[in-house]
Protein backbone atom coordinates (compact mmCIF):
# COMPACT_ATOMS: atom_id res chain seq x y z
CA MET A 1 0.00 0.00 0.00
CA ALA A 2 0.99 3.58 -0.57
CA SER A 3 0.83 6.26 2.12
CA ILE A 4 1.33 9.96 2.78
CA GLU A 5 2.91 11.35 5.94
CA PHE A 6 2.16 14.99 6.72
CA HIS A 7 5.30 16.82 7.85
CA GLY A 8 3.88 20.32 7.29
CA ALA A 9 0.85 22.39 6.22
CA ALA A 10 -1.42 20.05 8.22
CA GLY A 11 -3.84 22.16 10.24
CA THR A 12 -1.99 25.32 9.21
CA VAL A 13 -1.15 27.23 6.05
CA THR A 14 2.64 27.08 5.89
CA GLY A 15 5.48 24.58 5.90
CA SER A 16 4.15 22.41 3.05
CA ARG A 17 5.92 19.05 3.22
CA PHE A 18 4.24 15.72 2.34
CA LEU A 19 6.02 12.36 2.17
CA LEU A 20 4.56 10.00 -0.45
CA GLU A 21 5.70 6.38 -0.03
CA HIS A 22 5.15 3.61 -2.59
CA ASP A 23 6.87 0.23 -3.03
CA GLY A 24 9.78 1.24 -0.81
CA HIS A 25 10.37 4.56 -2.59
CA ARG A 26 9.94 7.92 -0.82
CA VAL A 27 9.04 11.15 -2.60
CA LEU A 28 8.78 14.45 -0.70
CA VAL A 29 6.19 16.82 -2.19
CA ASP A 30 7.30 20.37 -1.32
CA CYS A 31 9.86 21.34 1.31
CA GLY A 32 8.58 24.60 2.76
CA LEU A 33 9.35 26.88 5.67
CA PHE A 34 6.91 27.40 8.50
CA GLN A 35 5.91 31.06 8.80
CA GLY A 36 3.69 33.12 11.08
CA PRO A 37 3.35 32.60 14.86
CA LYS A 38 6.48 31.75 16.85
CA GLU A 39 5.29 28.25 17.72
CA LEU A 40 5.17 27.45 14.01
CA ARG A 41 8.46 29.14 13.16
CA LEU A 42 10.19 27.10 15.86
CA ARG A 43 9.41 23.97 13.82
CA ASN A 44 12.00 25.18 11.29
CA TRP A 45 14.66 24.82 14.01
CA ALA A 46 13.38 21.63 15.64
CA PRO A 47 15.12 18.28 15.03
CA ALA A 48 14.16 16.93 11.63
CA THR A 49 10.99 14.84 11.54
CA LEU A 50 12.30 13.20 8.36
CA ASP A 51 15.79 11.92 7.53
CA PRO A 52 16.78 13.56 4.20
CA LYS A 53 19.07 10.63 3.37
CA THR A 54 16.04 8.30 3.18
CA VAL A 55 14.22 10.38 0.55
CA ASP A 56 14.60 9.41 -3.12
CA ALA A 57 13.21 12.56 -4.77
CA VAL A 58 11.74 15.98 -3.99
CA VAL A 59 8.92 17.46 -6.09
CA LEU A 60 7.98 21.16 -5.87
CA THR A 61 4.51 22.48 -6.65
CA HIS A 62 5.69 26.10 -6.96
CA ALA A 63 8.37 28.54 -5.79
CA HIS A 64 6.82 30.31 -2.79
CA ILE A 65 8.98 30.03 0.32
CA ASP A 66 6.33 28.21 2.37
CA HIS A 67 6.65 25.45 -0.25
CA THR A 68 10.40 25.61 -1.03
CA GLY A 69 12.20 27.52 1.73
CA GLY A 70 13.15 24.43 3.73
CA LEU A 71 15.03 22.90 0.81
CA PRO A 72 18.48 24.44 1.54
CA ARG A 73 18.45 23.06 5.09
CA PHE A 74 17.21 19.69 3.78
CA VAL A 75 20.23 19.65 1.46
CA GLY A 76 22.51 20.80 4.28
CA GLU A 77 21.31 17.84 6.35
CA GLY A 78 22.26 15.36 3.66
CA TYR A 79 19.73 15.23 0.83
CA ARG A 80 21.46 14.56 -2.49
CA GLY A 81 18.65 13.36 -4.76
CA PRO A 82 16.92 15.21 -7.60
CA VAL A 83 14.53 18.14 -7.14
CA PHE A 84 11.82 18.01 -9.81
CA SER A 85 9.92 21.14 -10.85
CA THR A 86 8.73 23.12 -13.85
CA ALA A 87 11.21 25.49 -15.47
CA GLY A 88 9.31 28.51 -14.14
CA THR A 89 9.59 27.24 -10.58
CA ARG A 90 13.31 26.60 -11.02
CA ASP A 91 13.91 30.12 -12.33
CA LEU A 92 11.98 31.77 -9.50
CA CYS A 93 13.68 29.56 -6.90
CA GLY A 94 16.95 30.89 -8.31
CA LEU A 95 15.87 34.25 -6.86
CA LEU A 96 13.90 33.22 -3.79
CA LEU A 97 16.17 30.63 -2.18
CA PRO A 98 19.38 32.71 -2.17
CA ASP A 99 17.35 35.69 -0.94
CA SER A 100 15.89 33.59 1.89
CA ALA A 101 19.42 32.47 2.80
CA ARG A 102 20.70 36.07 2.87
CA LEU A 103 17.86 37.03 5.20
CA GLN A 104 18.74 34.13 7.50
CA GLU A 105 22.41 35.17 7.54
CA GLU A 106 21.62 38.84 8.11
CA GLU A 107 19.27 38.02 10.98
CA ALA A 108 21.93 35.88 12.66
CA ALA A 109 24.58 38.58 12.18
CA TYR A 110 22.27 41.22 13.67
CA ALA A 111 21.47 38.96 16.64
CA ASN A 112 25.17 38.51 17.29
CA LYS A 113 25.82 42.24 17.00
CA GLU A 114 23.01 43.18 19.39
CA GLY A 115 23.49 40.16 21.68
CA PHE A 116 19.80 39.27 21.97
CA SER A 117 20.06 35.63 20.88
CA LYS A 118 20.04 32.81 23.44
CA HIS A 119 22.69 31.07 21.31
CA ARG A 120 26.39 32.03 21.21
CA PRO A 121 26.94 32.57 18.41
CA ALA A 122 23.55 32.81 16.70
CA LEU A 123 23.57 30.79 13.49
CA PRO A 124 21.38 31.07 10.39
CA LEU A 125 18.93 28.30 9.59
CA TYR A 126 20.96 27.96 6.40
CA GLY A 127 23.20 30.09 4.22
CA GLU A 128 23.70 30.94 0.58
CA ALA A 129 26.05 27.98 0.08
CA GLU A 130 23.24 25.55 0.95
CA ALA A 131 20.82 27.47 -1.28
CA GLN A 132 23.20 27.19 -4.22
CA ARG A 133 23.73 23.48 -3.60
CA ALA A 134 19.97 22.99 -3.59
CA LEU A 135 19.61 24.80 -6.92
CA GLU A 136 22.19 22.47 -8.47
CA LEU A 137 19.87 19.51 -7.80
CA PHE A 138 16.95 20.82 -9.89
CA GLU A 139 15.68 18.83 -12.85
CA THR A 140 12.86 20.42 -14.84
CA PHE A 141 10.38 19.12 -17.37
CA PRO A 142 7.29 20.64 -19.05
CA TYR A 143 3.63 20.52 -18.16
CA ASP A 144 1.63 17.55 -19.43
CA ARG A 145 4.73 15.41 -20.11
CA PRO A 146 4.64 12.39 -17.75
CA ARG A 147 8.00 11.27 -16.38
CA GLU A 148 9.00 8.37 -14.16
CA ILE A 149 10.85 10.05 -11.29
CA VAL A 150 11.54 6.91 -9.23
CA PRO A 151 10.80 3.29 -10.20
CA GLY A 152 7.04 2.81 -10.41
CA VAL A 153 6.11 6.47 -9.82
CA ARG A 154 5.19 8.63 -12.81
CA LEU A 155 4.74 12.39 -12.31
CA THR A 156 2.78 14.81 -14.51
CA PHE A 157 2.77 18.58 -13.96
CA VAL A 158 -0.57 20.30 -14.72
CA PRO A 159 -0.92 24.13 -14.78
CA ALA A 160 -2.22 25.48 -11.46
CA GLY A 161 -2.49 29.19 -12.41
CA HIS A 162 -1.20 30.41 -9.02
CA ILE A 163 2.18 31.94 -9.89
CA LEU A 164 4.60 31.34 -12.74
CA GLY A 165 5.61 27.68 -12.80
CA SER A 166 2.94 26.55 -10.33
CA ALA A 167 1.76 22.99 -10.88
CA ILE A 168 -0.85 20.51 -9.80
CA CYS A 169 1.17 17.32 -9.29
CA VAL A 170 -0.33 14.06 -10.55
CA PHE A 171 1.38 10.85 -9.38
CA ASP A 172 0.51 7.57 -11.07
CA LEU A 173 1.66 4.57 -9.00
CA ALA A 174 2.35 1.58 -11.24
CA SER A 175 2.03 -1.49 -9.06
CA THR A 176 -1.07 -0.34 -7.13
CA ARG A 177 -2.75 1.57 -10.01
CA GLN A 178 -3.41 4.46 -7.65
CA ARG A 179 -3.42 8.09 -8.74
CA VAL A 180 -2.53 10.71 -6.14
CA VAL A 181 -3.15 14.37 -6.99
CA PHE A 182 -1.69 17.30 -5.04
CA THR A 183 -3.25 20.64 -5.94
CA GLY A 184 -0.38 22.71 -4.53
CA ASP A 185 -1.80 26.24 -4.39
CA LEU A 186 -4.58 26.73 -6.93
CA GLY A 187 -4.85 30.04 -8.75
CA ARG A 188 -7.92 31.94 -9.82
CA TYR A 189 -10.00 31.81 -12.96
CA ASN A 190 -9.78 34.72 -15.42
CA ALA A 191 -6.75 36.23 -13.66
CA PRO A 192 -4.28 38.03 -15.94
CA ILE A 193 -0.95 36.81 -17.34
CA LEU A 194 -1.23 33.07 -16.59
CA LYS A 195 -3.56 30.35 -17.83
CA ASP A 196 -6.44 29.21 -15.62
CA PRO A 197 -6.04 26.16 -13.37
CA VAL A 198 -6.46 23.02 -15.49
CA ALA A 199 -8.83 20.26 -14.42
CA VAL A 200 -7.68 16.72 -13.65
CA ALA A 201 -10.02 13.93 -14.73
CA SER A 202 -9.48 11.37 -11.98
CA ALA A 203 -7.75 10.51 -8.71
CA THR A 204 -7.95 7.82 -6.09
CA THR A 205 -6.58 10.32 -3.54
CA LEU A 206 -6.82 14.11 -3.77
CA VAL A 207 -4.68 16.29 -1.48
CA ALA A 208 -6.23 19.75 -1.76
CA GLU A 209 -5.25 23.16 -0.41
CA SER A 210 -7.78 25.03 1.73
CA THR A 211 -6.28 28.49 2.22
CA TYR A 212 -9.52 30.28 1.34
CA GLY A 213 -11.84 27.41 2.22
CA ASP A 214 -14.03 29.74 4.27
CA ARG A 215 -13.82 32.86 2.11
CA GLU A 216 -15.29 34.09 -1.13
CA HIS A 217 -13.53 36.83 -3.05
CA GLN A 218 -15.57 39.94 -3.70
CA ASP A 219 -17.29 39.93 -7.07
CA VAL A 220 -15.40 42.97 -8.28
CA LYS A 221 -12.91 43.66 -11.03
CA PRO A 222 -9.73 44.89 -9.36
CA MET A 223 -8.70 46.84 -12.45
CA GLU A 224 -11.82 49.02 -12.12
CA LEU A 225 -11.01 49.79 -8.49
CA LEU A 226 -7.35 50.38 -9.29
CA ALA A 227 -8.28 53.01 -11.89
CA GLY A 228 -10.33 54.85 -9.27
CA VAL A 229 -7.52 54.80 -6.69
CA VAL A 230 -4.91 56.01 -9.19
CA ASN A 231 -7.06 58.87 -10.44
CA ASP A 232 -7.97 59.91 -6.90
CA ALA A 233 -4.27 59.89 -5.95
CA VAL A 234 -3.51 62.15 -8.92
CA LYS A 235 -6.20 64.60 -7.78
CA ARG A 236 -4.68 64.64 -4.29
CA GLY A 237 -1.38 65.67 -5.87
CA GLY A 238 0.81 63.23 -4.01
CA VAL A 239 2.44 59.84 -4.46
CA LEU A 240 0.57 56.52 -4.55
CA VAL A 241 2.57 53.96 -2.54
CA ILE A 242 1.68 50.28 -3.08
CA PRO A 243 3.22 47.61 -0.84
CA ALA A 244 3.25 44.45 -2.99
CA PHE A 245 4.90 41.05 -2.95
CA ALA A 246 7.75 40.91 -5.42
CA VAL A 247 6.73 37.71 -7.19
CA GLY A 248 3.26 37.51 -8.71
CA ARG A 249 1.50 40.52 -7.20
CA THR A 250 3.88 43.16 -8.59
CA GLN A 251 3.67 41.68 -12.10
CA GLU A 252 -0.14 41.63 -11.96
CA LEU A 253 -0.19 45.27 -10.86
CA LEU A 254 2.08 46.28 -13.72
CA TYR A 255 -0.14 44.41 -16.16
CA HIS A 256 -3.26 46.27 -14.94
CA LEU A 257 -1.52 49.66 -14.86
CA ASP A 258 -0.32 49.16 -18.43
CA ASN A 259 -3.84 48.18 -19.57
CA LEU A 260 -5.38 51.22 -17.89
CA GLU A 261 -2.79 53.56 -19.34
CA ARG A 262 -3.19 52.23 -22.89
CA ALA A 263 -6.98 52.55 -22.56
CA GLY A 264 -6.61 56.20 -21.47
CA ARG A 265 -8.31 55.49 -18.15
CA ILE A 266 -5.38 56.74 -16.08
CA PRO A 267 -2.82 59.38 -17.02
CA GLU A 268 0.71 58.43 -18.05
CA LEU A 269 2.59 58.51 -14.74
CA PRO A 270 6.05 57.65 -13.48
CA VAL A 271 5.90 54.14 -11.99
CA PHE A 272 8.85 53.09 -9.82
CA VAL A 273 9.27 49.39 -9.05
CA ASP A 274 11.56 49.53 -6.02
CA SER A 275 12.32 45.88 -5.28
CA PRO A 276 15.40 44.12 -6.64
CA MET A 277 13.57 40.79 -6.58
CA ALA A 278 10.57 42.18 -8.44
CA CYS A 279 12.95 43.70 -10.99
CA ASP A 280 14.54 40.29 -11.54
CA ALA A 281 11.28 38.31 -11.47
CA THR A 282 9.48 40.44 -14.07
CA PRO A 283 11.66 39.41 -17.05
CA ILE A 284 11.32 35.78 -15.91
CA TYR A 285 7.54 36.15 -16.20
CA LEU A 286 7.97 37.53 -19.72
CA ALA A 287 10.39 34.80 -20.76
CA HIS A 288 8.02 31.88 -20.08
CA ALA A 289 5.64 32.51 -22.98
CA SER A 290 4.22 28.98 -22.88
CA GLU A 291 2.51 29.81 -19.56
CA HIS A 292 0.88 33.03 -20.78
CA ASP A 293 -2.85 33.23 -21.27
CA VAL A 294 -4.38 34.30 -24.59
CA ASP A 295 -4.46 38.03 -23.84
CA MET A 296 -0.88 38.14 -22.54
CA ARG A 297 0.38 36.13 -25.52
CA ARG A 298 -1.42 38.42 -27.96
CA LEU A 299 0.20 41.51 -26.44
CA VAL A 300 3.68 40.00 -26.52
CA GLN A 301 3.28 38.78 -30.11
CA ALA A 302 2.21 42.29 -31.11
CA GLY A 303 5.56 43.58 -29.83
CA HIS A 304 4.19 45.13 -26.65
CA THR A 305 5.78 44.67 -23.23
CA PRO A 306 2.71 44.26 -20.99
CA LEU A 307 4.51 44.26 -17.63
CA ARG A 308 5.54 47.89 -17.70
CA THR A 309 3.91 51.23 -18.46
CA ASN A 310 5.51 53.85 -20.71
CA ARG A 311 7.26 55.47 -17.75
CA THR A 312 8.06 52.46 -15.56
CA ARG A 313 11.49 52.48 -13.98
CA PHE A 314 12.92 49.40 -12.28
CA VAL A 315 14.95 50.47 -9.25
CA GLN A 316 17.79 48.15 -8.26
CA SER A 317 20.40 50.07 -6.27
CA VAL A 318 20.08 51.49 -2.77
CA ALA A 319 21.16 54.89 -4.07
CA GLU A 320 18.35 54.93 -6.65
CA SER A 321 15.87 53.90 -3.97
CA LYS A 322 16.96 56.71 -1.65
CA SER A 323 16.70 59.22 -4.50
CA LEU A 324 12.93 58.58 -4.64
CA ASN A 325 12.62 60.51 -1.37
CA GLY A 326 12.91 63.66 -3.44
CA PHE A 327 10.13 62.68 -5.86
CA ARG A 328 7.07 64.85 -5.31
CA GLY A 329 4.53 63.25 -7.65
CA PRO A 330 2.06 62.55 -8.92
CA GLY A 331 3.36 59.05 -9.49
CA ILE A 332 3.37 55.49 -8.21
CA ILE A 333 5.90 53.58 -6.08
CA VAL A 334 5.50 49.78 -5.91
CA SER A 335 7.75 48.14 -3.34
CA ALA A 336 8.04 45.03 -1.15
CA SER A 337 7.03 43.60 1.23
CA GLY A 338 3.30 43.31 0.71
CA MET A 339 2.36 43.46 4.40
CA ALA A 340 4.93 46.17 5.21
CA THR A 341 6.80 43.78 7.50
CA GLY A 342 10.21 44.61 6.04
CA GLY A 343 12.09 45.65 2.94
CA ARG A 344 12.35 48.93 1.07
CA ILE A 345 8.65 49.69 1.43
CA LEU A 346 9.30 50.73 5.04
CA HIS A 347 11.49 53.64 3.89
CA HIS A 348 8.76 54.83 1.52
CA LEU A 349 6.05 54.54 4.17
CA LYS A 350 8.20 56.48 6.63
CA GLN A 351 8.63 59.19 3.97
CA ARG A 352 5.07 59.30 2.58
CA ALA A 353 2.68 58.27 5.38
CA PRO A 354 2.93 61.64 7.22
CA ASP A 355 1.94 63.50 4.01
CA GLU A 356 -1.82 63.97 3.70
CA LYS A 357 -1.47 64.25 -0.09
CA SER A 358 -0.13 60.70 -0.30
CA THR A 359 -2.16 57.53 -0.82
CA ILE A 360 -1.19 54.10 0.51
CA LEU A 361 -2.87 51.19 -1.27
CA PHE A 362 -2.77 47.61 0.03
CA VAL A 363 -3.51 44.98 -2.61
CA GLY A 364 -3.39 41.78 -0.55
CA TYR A 365 -4.51 40.21 2.68
CA GLN A 366 -2.95 41.83 5.76
CA SER A 367 -2.32 39.46 8.65
CA ALA A 368 -3.22 40.48 12.19
CA GLY A 369 -0.43 42.39 13.89
CA THR A 370 1.34 43.52 10.72
CA ARG A 371 1.90 47.20 9.96
CA GLY A 372 -0.44 46.87 7.00
CA ARG A 373 -3.31 45.63 9.17
CA ARG A 374 -2.70 48.33 11.77
CA MET A 375 -2.76 51.03 9.12
CA LEU A 376 -5.98 49.67 7.61
CA ASP A 377 -7.49 49.53 11.10
CA GLY A 378 -6.94 53.29 11.36
CA GLU A 379 -4.17 53.44 13.94
CA PRO A 380 -2.73 56.99 13.97
CA TYR A 381 0.91 55.84 14.19
CA VAL A 382 2.96 52.82 13.15
CA ARG A 383 6.45 52.08 14.40
CA ILE A 384 9.11 51.95 11.67
CA HIS A 385 12.84 51.65 12.38
CA GLY A 386 12.32 52.57 16.00
CA HIS A 387 10.21 55.68 15.33
CA ASP A 388 6.46 56.29 15.60
CA VAL A 389 5.42 57.47 12.14
CA PRO A 390 2.15 59.43 11.94
CA ILE A 391 -0.38 58.21 9.36
CA ARG A 392 -1.88 61.22 7.62
CA ALA A 393 -1.98 59.74 4.12
CA LYS A 394 -5.15 58.21 2.73
CA VAL A 395 -5.02 54.44 3.40
CA THR A 396 -7.15 52.09 1.28
CA GLN A 397 -7.29 48.49 0.10
CA ILE A 398 -8.30 46.44 -2.93
CA SER A 399 -8.91 42.79 -2.04
CA GLY A 400 -9.48 41.31 -5.52
CA PHE A 401 -5.82 40.68 -6.31
CA SER A 402 -5.48 37.41 -4.38
CA ALA A 403 -3.67 34.64 -6.27
CA HIS A 404 -5.49 31.93 -4.25
CA ALA A 405 -8.73 30.32 -5.36
CA ASP A 406 -11.60 30.92 -2.94
CA TRP A 407 -13.96 28.11 -1.90
CA THR A 408 -16.21 28.57 -4.93
CA GLU A 409 -13.22 28.29 -7.26
CA LEU A 410 -11.83 25.28 -5.39
CA LEU A 411 -15.15 23.49 -5.85
CA ARG A 412 -15.30 24.62 -9.48
CA TRP A 413 -11.93 22.97 -10.09
CA MET A 414 -13.11 19.79 -8.34
CA GLU A 415 -16.04 19.60 -10.76
CA GLY A 416 -13.50 18.59 -13.40
CA PHE A 417 -13.30 15.06 -11.98
CA SER A 418 -15.22 12.52 -14.04
CA SER A 419 -15.91 10.56 -10.84
CA PRO A 420 -15.30 11.35 -7.17
CA PRO A 421 -11.91 10.60 -5.64
CA LYS A 422 -12.06 7.74 -3.16
CA GLN A 423 -10.31 9.94 -0.58
CA VAL A 424 -9.90 13.71 -0.15
CA LEU A 425 -7.30 15.06 2.28
CA LEU A 426 -7.43 18.78 3.07
CA VAL A 427 -4.23 20.67 3.89
CA HIS A 428 -2.70 24.15 3.75
CA GLY A 429 -5.43 25.97 5.67
CA GLU A 430 -6.22 27.39 9.08
CA PRO A 431 -8.67 25.36 11.19
CA ALA A 432 -11.73 27.45 10.28
CA ALA A 433 -10.96 27.29 6.55
CA LEU A 434 -10.31 23.54 6.71
CA ALA A 435 -13.58 22.89 8.56
CA ALA A 436 -15.59 25.02 6.17
CA LEU A 437 -14.18 23.41 3.03
CA LYS A 438 -14.54 19.93 4.57
CA ALA A 439 -18.26 20.55 5.08
CA ARG A 440 -18.67 21.78 1.52
CA VAL A 441 -16.82 18.84 0.00
CA GLU A 442 -18.85 16.42 2.15
CA GLN A 443 -22.01 17.97 0.72
CA ARG A 444 -20.88 16.62 -2.63
CA GLY A 445 -20.82 13.15 -1.12
CA TRP A 446 -17.03 12.85 -1.29
CA PRO A 447 -15.14 11.18 1.60
CA VAL A 448 -12.93 13.86 3.16
CA SER A 449 -10.67 14.22 6.19
CA VAL A 450 -8.19 16.72 7.66
CA PRO A 451 -4.83 15.08 8.54
CA ARG A 452 -2.93 16.08 11.66
CA HIS A 453 0.71 17.12 11.80
CA LEU A 454 2.95 14.05 11.37
CA GLU A 455 -0.05 11.77 10.76
CA ARG A 456 0.47 8.92 8.32
CA VAL A 457 -2.48 8.08 6.07
CA ASP A 458 -2.81 4.92 3.99
CA LEU A 459 -4.07 5.80 0.54
CA ALA A 460 -7.33 4.54 -0.88
CA PRO A 461 -6.86 1.52 -3.15
CA ALA A 462 -7.68 1.59 -6.84
CA GLY A 463 -10.70 -0.25 -8.16
């Protein structure tokens, strides 16, 4: 019999890590970092729940750090097998994993300098050397091209529409005739740039994400709202500052701003993309034409560059970033991070938030306790770099930019099955989202359960 052991993203959203075992072979699906509350982050430092030397292959659903960020440590602890992914995931991991390692090293160095760590010396979870070794293990192959990755296990990548390179992973197990499908993170229908999530016809076991299992996205077109915010910011005479994640969200924003500008619905404005990672990720999005949807492909084939406006400037150096302090507007600054928890966006918020002419636009979910949430909740000050910064700028939010399918879209994707899976396992969600989606899937008459952390589940037999 085949089984799955849940080493992460069971009962929580982060740390995706699922061990698929079949005929003595062990395949790890995703190798993510735990993020969020301290009790979860401590799992990254805890003794390994899985010996890397016993794993035959790693498969990645997509490049986000909660699905890939544990890979350098896994390699540092002895993993030497292949890492299978799409080419888009490999290219984005080439940015994200070294960046994650640098952050780990910088945090350890700062802890040693300030002396606040319990450990002497404080060490990073992993460093750039481990990240580079991990990248050397990647083997990529295209969507819809089945490949035997270990004896008796055939893997097919199916487009998931979440970010560039994201894949639904379909495992066909030869000796037991079982089919195990991992959704990874499912994207949304009719979102720009990438193709929609593609249906899978059958599965004996479905492992499905549940991030938005209790939420339904507002039935609004974010581009319409974005036009209104931009034009209002121009009337106010200041700068529109948009905190945005560097991979995925920034590219979608640029796509919408370009569309609005070409349609004459917003004026031609200076747009500064102040995030080195976003600057590097944007050409990667353009390079993978096979993943583009019809509209994106049509624009590129017509010779247009749809991920920049006429006056977009990609800001790489620290000196260029600092020079934006003198910019008076009107114009737009897009910078990371999306929840204002770190990065260059903090410098722009410190500069612009006290100015009542400025506008601050959040385009993603803001977790409780983050600066973004506190600003949206109307707090008069936020603390940045040790100073209380007054919030006099207009603060607003557009929620339609999420790259995660909501519960209606998750069920829509499930309708693609020609017959119900014999077993549905829900992961990658908070307890309320998992419970809500479980109830909705049960209403379809499908057998569904929510695995616990480190639980081992025998997979439903074929036939």
